[in-house]
Protein backbone atom coordinates (compact mmCIF):
# COMPACT_ATOMS: atom_id res chain seq x y z
CA MET A 1 -34.50 -0.08 15.87
CA SER A 2 -36.40 -1.13 12.75
CA ALA A 3 -40.19 -0.99 12.53
CA ALA A 4 -40.36 -4.80 12.39
CA ALA A 5 -38.33 -5.06 15.61
CA ARG A 6 -40.80 -2.74 17.32
CA GLU A 7 -43.74 -4.94 16.39
CA ARG A 8 -45.14 -7.95 18.20
CA VAL A 9 -46.92 -10.37 15.88
CA VAL A 10 -49.95 -12.33 17.06
CA ASP A 11 -50.77 -14.94 14.43
CA ALA A 12 -54.28 -15.98 15.41
CA ARG A 13 -55.31 -17.39 12.03
CA GLY A 14 -57.21 -20.60 12.55
CA MET A 15 -57.76 -20.02 16.27
CA GLU A 16 -61.29 -20.08 17.61
CA PRO A 17 -62.70 -17.57 20.13
CA PRO A 18 -61.74 -16.64 22.75
CA ASP A 19 -58.12 -17.54 21.95
CA PRO A 20 -57.39 -14.67 19.50
CA MET A 21 -58.73 -12.07 21.94
CA GLU A 22 -56.74 -13.56 24.82
CA LYS A 23 -53.53 -13.66 22.76
CA VAL A 24 -53.80 -10.07 21.55
CA MET A 25 -54.66 -8.78 25.04
CA GLU A 26 -51.58 -10.57 26.45
CA ALA A 27 -49.42 -8.96 23.77
CA LEU A 28 -50.88 -5.52 24.52
CA ASP A 29 -50.17 -5.96 28.23
CA GLU A 30 -46.49 -6.54 27.35
CA LEU A 31 -46.10 -3.57 24.98
CA ARG A 32 -43.35 -1.09 25.65
CA PRO A 33 -43.56 2.55 24.56
CA GLY A 34 -43.34 2.87 20.79
CA GLU A 35 -44.16 -0.78 20.11
CA SER A 36 -47.18 -2.06 18.22
CA VAL A 37 -49.01 -5.35 17.74
CA ARG A 38 -49.69 -6.82 14.31
CA MET A 39 -52.54 -9.30 14.58
CA LEU A 40 -53.19 -11.81 11.80
CA LEU A 41 -56.69 -13.25 11.81
CA HIS A 42 -59.01 -15.18 9.49
CA ARG A 43 -62.01 -12.94 10.24
CA GLU A 44 -62.49 -9.30 11.17
CA PRO A 45 -62.50 -8.94 14.98
CA PHE A 46 -65.36 -6.45 15.42
CA PRO A 47 -65.66 -7.00 19.23
CA LEU A 48 -61.98 -6.12 19.62
CA TYR A 49 -62.35 -2.59 18.26
CA ALA A 50 -64.45 -1.24 21.14
CA ILE A 51 -62.12 -2.83 23.69
CA LEU A 52 -59.11 -1.21 22.02
CA ALA A 53 -60.78 2.21 22.04
CA GLU A 54 -61.71 1.86 25.73
CA ARG A 55 -58.10 1.02 26.59
CA GLY A 56 -56.52 3.84 24.61
CA TYR A 57 -55.42 2.01 21.47
CA ARG A 58 -55.93 2.78 17.79
CA HIS A 59 -56.04 0.22 15.04
CA GLU A 60 -55.73 -0.03 11.28
CA THR A 61 -57.36 -3.01 9.60
CA ARG A 62 -56.51 -4.35 6.16
CA MET A 63 -58.09 -7.28 4.34
CA GLU A 64 -55.59 -9.47 2.51
CA PRO A 65 -56.26 -11.01 -0.94
CA ASP A 66 -56.83 -14.41 0.71
CA GLY A 67 -59.65 -12.96 2.86
CA SER A 68 -57.63 -12.84 6.09
CA TYR A 69 -57.11 -9.64 8.08
CA VAL A 70 -54.10 -7.74 9.36
CA ILE A 71 -54.81 -5.45 12.30
CA LEU A 72 -52.07 -3.05 13.38
CA ILE A 73 -52.61 -1.84 16.96
CA ARG A 74 -50.80 1.08 18.58
CA GLN A 75 -51.21 3.15 21.70
CA ALA A 76 -53.35 6.16 20.78
CA GLU A 77 -50.73 8.72 21.84
CA ALA A 78 -48.05 6.92 19.78
CA SER A 79 -50.04 7.20 16.55
CA ALA A 80 -51.20 10.78 16.92
């Protein structure tokens, strides 16, 4: 299975809180072992990071040239 097929994309650009948080939490609840979530957002989701850590997830955040963010979220044991 390709990496893209093992990724769930949550495109939350343009959404207002709390919609992005709700969408990414729904996607995380549906994750299968080895899958990840790629979240696209128009601002950095600082409140999300503590929630991810509490629930056993790791994240990598990258700012795009247009100022949007890509956050790749994986289960902590899957990224170790």
